[in-house]
């Protein structure tokens, strides 16, 4: 039985009953397939379910599964203004191949307006964490309005923070239930899925880019490097803040 209480604004209230429900379902789905996890999420949350994607290989596989299981699920991309051309072109290929239109959610300020605030010196060069907060975190918080749950494409083996991810849990940062259908899969599983089903993916992956974000903060990785080593190279930073466990990454 679904146990939920809504606030006056329609947000899902993280009551003890709801948290217990999510914890029990997470344990139950620990050995489920990604398809089964997505199907549960679509049934449980219906039109209040959404997905955020950066069009990584993991996200593309989920978009493929959504096209088969719940094609009307709204999907968004955090368009920071710094995305690779190849990433934006992939959005169009996804729409053509899978029939899923991904909404581009943009910050309030354009890149030019944003950089003008710091005298033309891009903040990603001096404080990438603040840049991620301004152009990703705040945008996702806006996108969470009216929704009760979101799907992410993280894998537990990607980073220490992601290793702690449950299949289903409560995301305090965004006030949503969070569903991680790929938490238990491997990188090889993802690429096998892409190959076997001819799922569109970013061609930059064929050029050594194992994890792709904004172009100023992403590079190709060398042999033996961690798959996220190309993100924010030169900074003690491996996450933009969307999937960390801190309540507030504006620091």
Protein backbone atom coordinates (compact mmCIF):
# COMPACT_ATOMS: atom_id res chain seq x y z
CA UNK A 1 0.00 0.00 0.00
CA UNK A 2 1.29 3.46 -0.89
CA UNK A 3 1.88 5.64 2.15
CA UNK A 4 2.29 9.27 1.32
CA UNK A 5 1.39 12.69 2.64
CA UNK A 6 1.57 15.84 0.54
CA UNK A 7 2.48 19.32 1.69
CA UNK A 8 0.23 22.28 0.87
CA UNK A 9 2.38 22.92 -2.21
CA UNK A 10 1.91 19.34 -3.41
CA UNK A 11 5.38 18.10 -2.53
CA UNK A 12 5.84 14.60 -1.19
CA UNK A 13 6.35 14.65 2.57
CA UNK A 14 9.14 12.33 3.83
CA UNK A 15 7.08 10.79 6.62
CA UNK A 16 8.32 7.79 8.60
CA UNK A 17 5.79 5.65 6.75
CA UNK A 18 7.01 6.77 3.32
CA UNK A 19 10.68 6.34 4.23
CA UNK A 20 9.92 2.85 5.53
CA UNK A 21 8.06 2.03 2.33
CA UNK A 22 10.98 3.20 0.17
CA UNK A 23 13.54 1.31 2.28
CA UNK A 24 11.52 -1.90 2.08
CA UNK A 25 11.04 -1.54 -1.67
CA UNK A 26 14.74 -0.80 -2.14
CA UNK A 27 15.65 -4.02 -0.36
CA UNK A 28 13.08 -5.94 -2.38
CA UNK A 29 14.41 -4.55 -5.67
CA UNK A 30 18.07 -5.14 -4.81
CA UNK A 31 18.15 -8.21 -7.07
CA UNK A 32 15.66 -6.90 -9.66
CA UNK A 33 16.57 -6.04 -13.23
CA UNK A 34 16.80 -2.39 -14.30
CA UNK A 35 13.64 -2.90 -16.34
CA UNK A 36 11.76 -4.17 -13.29
CA UNK A 37 12.95 -1.23 -11.20
CA UNK A 38 11.86 1.28 -13.83
CA UNK A 39 8.49 -0.45 -14.21
CA UNK A 40 7.94 -0.23 -10.45
CA UNK A 41 8.83 3.46 -10.42
CA UNK A 42 6.46 4.22 -13.30
CA UNK A 43 3.63 2.35 -11.61
CA UNK A 44 4.26 3.79 -8.15
CA UNK A 45 4.68 7.45 -9.11
CA UNK A 46 2.94 7.70 -12.49
CA UNK A 47 2.88 11.24 -13.89
CA UNK A 48 4.84 12.46 -10.85
CA UNK A 49 7.93 10.55 -12.01
CA UNK A 50 10.65 12.28 -13.99
CA UNK A 51 14.20 11.59 -15.15
CA UNK A 52 17.27 13.76 -15.41
CA UNK A 53 19.91 12.80 -17.95
CA UNK A 54 23.28 14.15 -19.09
CA UNK A 55 23.15 11.69 -22.03
CA UNK A 56 25.90 9.48 -20.68
CA UNK A 57 25.88 5.84 -21.81
CA UNK A 58 24.00 4.85 -18.66
CA UNK A 59 21.36 7.51 -19.25
CA UNK A 60 20.95 6.44 -22.85
CA UNK A 61 20.26 2.85 -21.81
CA UNK A 62 17.60 4.06 -19.35
CA UNK A 63 16.03 6.20 -22.07
CA UNK A 64 15.89 3.10 -24.25
CA UNK A 65 14.17 1.14 -21.46
CA UNK A 66 11.79 4.01 -20.75
CA UNK A 67 10.80 4.07 -24.42
CA UNK A 68 9.62 0.48 -23.98
CA UNK A 69 8.18 0.66 -20.46
CA UNK A 70 6.95 4.21 -19.77
CA UNK A 71 7.55 6.39 -22.85
CA UNK A 72 5.50 9.32 -21.54
CA UNK A 73 7.81 9.88 -18.55
CA UNK A 74 9.05 13.49 -18.72
CA UNK A 75 12.83 13.67 -19.11
CA UNK A 76 15.02 16.74 -18.74
CA UNK A 77 18.64 17.71 -19.31
CA UNK A 78 20.42 20.42 -17.32
CA UNK A 79 21.65 22.62 -20.14
CA UNK A 80 24.36 24.65 -18.43
CA UNK A 81 25.32 26.48 -21.61
CA UNK A 82 28.69 24.72 -21.54
CA UNK A 83 27.64 21.40 -23.06
CA UNK A 84 29.51 19.77 -25.93
CA UNK A 85 27.99 20.12 -29.38
CA UNK A 86 28.03 16.32 -29.60
CA UNK A 87 25.87 16.09 -26.48
CA UNK A 88 23.20 18.39 -27.87
CA UNK A 89 23.25 16.53 -31.17
CA UNK A 90 22.77 13.26 -29.27
CA UNK A 91 19.56 14.70 -27.81
CA UNK A 92 18.20 15.00 -31.35
CA UNK A 93 19.31 11.47 -32.25
CA UNK A 94 17.62 10.11 -29.11
CA UNK A 95 14.37 11.82 -30.10
CA UNK A 96 14.54 10.40 -33.63
CA UNK A 97 15.51 6.87 -32.59
CA UNK A 98 13.57 6.40 -29.34
CA UNK A 99 10.77 8.93 -29.66
CA UNK A 100 11.66 10.62 -26.36
CA UNK A 101 11.93 14.41 -26.37
CA UNK A 102 14.29 15.54 -23.62
CA UNK A 103 13.53 19.00 -22.25
CA UNK A 104 16.49 21.35 -21.97
CA UNK A 105 16.30 23.11 -18.61
CA UNK A 106 18.45 26.22 -18.53
CA UNK A 107 19.71 28.49 -15.71
CA UNK A 108 18.14 31.92 -15.40
CA UNK A 109 21.33 33.60 -16.67
CA UNK A 110 22.97 32.94 -20.03
CA UNK A 111 26.66 32.04 -20.03
CA UNK A 112 27.51 35.59 -21.07
CA UNK A 113 25.42 37.11 -18.27
CA UNK A 114 26.81 34.65 -15.76
CA UNK A 115 30.45 35.25 -16.64
CA UNK A 116 29.90 39.02 -16.65
CA UNK A 117 29.20 38.78 -12.92
CA UNK A 118 32.82 37.77 -12.35
CA UNK A 119 34.36 40.27 -14.73
CA UNK A 120 34.47 37.87 -17.63
CA UNK A 121 36.56 35.29 -15.76
CA UNK A 122 34.62 32.00 -15.95
CA UNK A 123 33.86 30.69 -12.49
CA UNK A 124 34.62 27.13 -13.58
CA UNK A 125 38.29 28.12 -13.62
CA UNK A 126 38.38 29.21 -9.98
CA UNK A 127 35.37 27.69 -8.23
CA UNK A 128 33.81 24.87 -10.25
CA UNK A 129 31.72 23.73 -7.28
CA UNK A 130 29.92 27.08 -7.19
CA UNK A 131 29.50 26.95 -10.96
CA UNK A 132 27.90 23.49 -10.72
CA UNK A 133 25.63 24.71 -7.94
CA UNK A 134 24.49 27.76 -9.90
CA UNK A 135 24.02 26.08 -13.26
CA UNK A 136 22.95 22.56 -12.23
CA UNK A 137 21.77 22.18 -8.65
CA UNK A 138 19.50 25.23 -8.60
CA UNK A 139 18.04 24.26 -11.98
CA UNK A 140 17.25 20.74 -10.83
CA UNK A 141 15.56 22.10 -7.71
CA UNK A 142 13.32 24.10 -10.02
CA UNK A 143 12.72 21.02 -12.16
CA UNK A 144 11.71 19.02 -9.10
CA UNK A 145 8.69 21.22 -8.53
CA UNK A 146 5.48 19.23 -8.92
CA UNK A 147 7.30 15.88 -9.04
CA UNK A 148 7.51 13.14 -6.42
CA UNK A 149 10.36 10.98 -7.76
CA UNK A 150 13.23 11.07 -10.21
CA UNK A 151 15.30 8.44 -11.98
CA UNK A 152 19.07 8.75 -12.11
CA UNK A 153 21.58 6.70 -14.08
CA UNK A 154 24.34 6.32 -11.50
CA UNK A 155 26.23 3.06 -10.90
CA UNK A 156 27.63 2.15 -7.51
CA UNK A 157 31.03 1.25 -8.96
CA UNK A 158 31.59 4.75 -10.40
CA UNK A 159 32.72 6.58 -7.25
CA UNK A 160 32.78 6.37 -3.43
CA UNK A 161 29.71 8.61 -3.13
CA UNK A 162 27.75 6.55 -5.63
CA UNK A 163 28.78 3.31 -3.94
CA UNK A 164 26.40 4.25 -1.11
CA UNK A 165 23.38 4.64 -3.38
CA UNK A 166 20.29 2.58 -2.64
CA UNK A 167 18.03 1.26 -5.38
CA UNK A 168 15.25 3.46 -4.01
CA UNK A 169 15.64 6.15 -1.38
CA UNK A 170 14.78 9.66 -0.31
CA UNK A 171 16.76 12.53 -1.83
CA UNK A 172 16.79 15.23 0.86
CA UNK A 173 18.55 17.71 -1.38
CA UNK A 174 15.73 17.83 -3.93
CA UNK A 175 12.78 16.62 -1.87
CA UNK A 176 12.07 13.63 -4.11
CA UNK A 177 12.20 9.88 -4.00
CA UNK A 178 15.24 8.81 -6.01
CA UNK A 179 15.34 5.66 -8.13
CA UNK A 180 18.66 4.21 -9.32
CA UNK A 181 17.86 1.37 -11.74
CA UNK A 182 21.52 0.86 -12.73
CA UNK A 183 23.02 0.91 -9.23
CA UNK A 184 24.09 -2.73 -9.45
CA UNK A 185 25.18 -2.97 -13.07
CA UNK A 186 28.69 -2.63 -14.50
CA UNK A 187 30.18 -0.50 -17.22
CA UNK A 188 30.46 -3.57 -19.46
CA UNK A 189 26.75 -4.30 -18.93
CA UNK A 190 25.89 -0.78 -20.08
CA UNK A 191 27.96 -0.99 -23.25
CA UNK A 192 26.67 -4.46 -24.05
CA UNK A 193 23.15 -3.06 -23.76
CA UNK A 194 24.05 -0.21 -26.11
CA UNK A 195 25.68 -2.50 -28.65
CA UNK A 196 22.99 -5.17 -28.67
CA UNK A 197 20.15 -2.67 -29.03
CA UNK A 198 21.85 -0.08 -31.25
CA UNK A 199 21.21 2.67 -28.72
CA UNK A 200 22.54 6.11 -29.73
CA UNK A 201 25.48 7.34 -27.64
CA UNK A 202 27.90 10.25 -27.55
CA UNK A 203 30.70 9.81 -30.15
CA UNK A 204 33.13 11.47 -27.73
CA UNK A 205 33.23 8.15 -25.89
CA UNK A 206 35.09 6.74 -28.89
CA UNK A 207 37.72 9.45 -28.39
CA UNK A 208 38.66 8.57 -24.81
CA UNK A 209 36.02 10.58 -22.96
CA UNK A 210 34.70 8.09 -20.42
CA UNK A 211 32.52 10.58 -18.51
CA UNK A 212 31.15 13.67 -20.24
CA UNK A 213 29.91 16.86 -18.63
CA UNK A 214 30.56 20.49 -19.53
CA UNK A 215 33.31 20.99 -22.09
CA UNK A 216 35.52 23.27 -19.93
CA UNK A 217 35.63 20.68 -17.14
CA UNK A 218 35.91 17.46 -19.15
CA UNK A 219 38.89 15.80 -20.81
CA UNK A 220 39.71 12.42 -22.29
CA UNK A 221 41.30 9.95 -19.88
CA UNK A 222 44.50 8.02 -20.30
CA UNK A 223 45.14 4.31 -19.99
CA UNK A 224 44.66 3.08 -16.42
CA UNK A 225 42.89 6.23 -15.23
CA UNK A 226 39.60 6.09 -13.35
CA UNK A 227 36.60 6.61 -15.63
CA UNK A 228 35.77 9.90 -13.86
CA UNK A 229 39.36 11.19 -13.85
CA UNK A 230 38.56 13.45 -16.78
CA UNK A 231 36.03 15.50 -14.83
CA UNK A 232 37.26 18.71 -13.13
CA UNK A 233 40.85 17.68 -13.74
CA UNK A 234 43.18 19.57 -11.41
CA UNK A 235 40.55 20.01 -8.71
CA UNK A 236 39.74 17.78 -5.73
CA UNK A 237 36.30 17.22 -7.21
CA UNK A 238 34.66 14.21 -8.85
CA UNK A 239 30.96 15.10 -8.60
CA UNK A 240 28.87 18.08 -9.66
CA UNK A 241 26.75 17.69 -6.53
CA UNK A 242 23.64 16.09 -8.00
CA UNK A 243 24.49 12.68 -6.56
CA UNK A 244 26.46 13.49 -3.43
CA UNK A 245 24.93 12.81 -0.03
CA UNK A 246 25.40 16.34 1.32
CA UNK A 247 22.23 18.36 1.76
CA UNK A 248 23.83 21.47 0.28
CA UNK A 249 26.81 21.54 -2.08
CA UNK A 250 27.07 25.30 -2.23
CA UNK A 251 30.44 25.30 -0.49
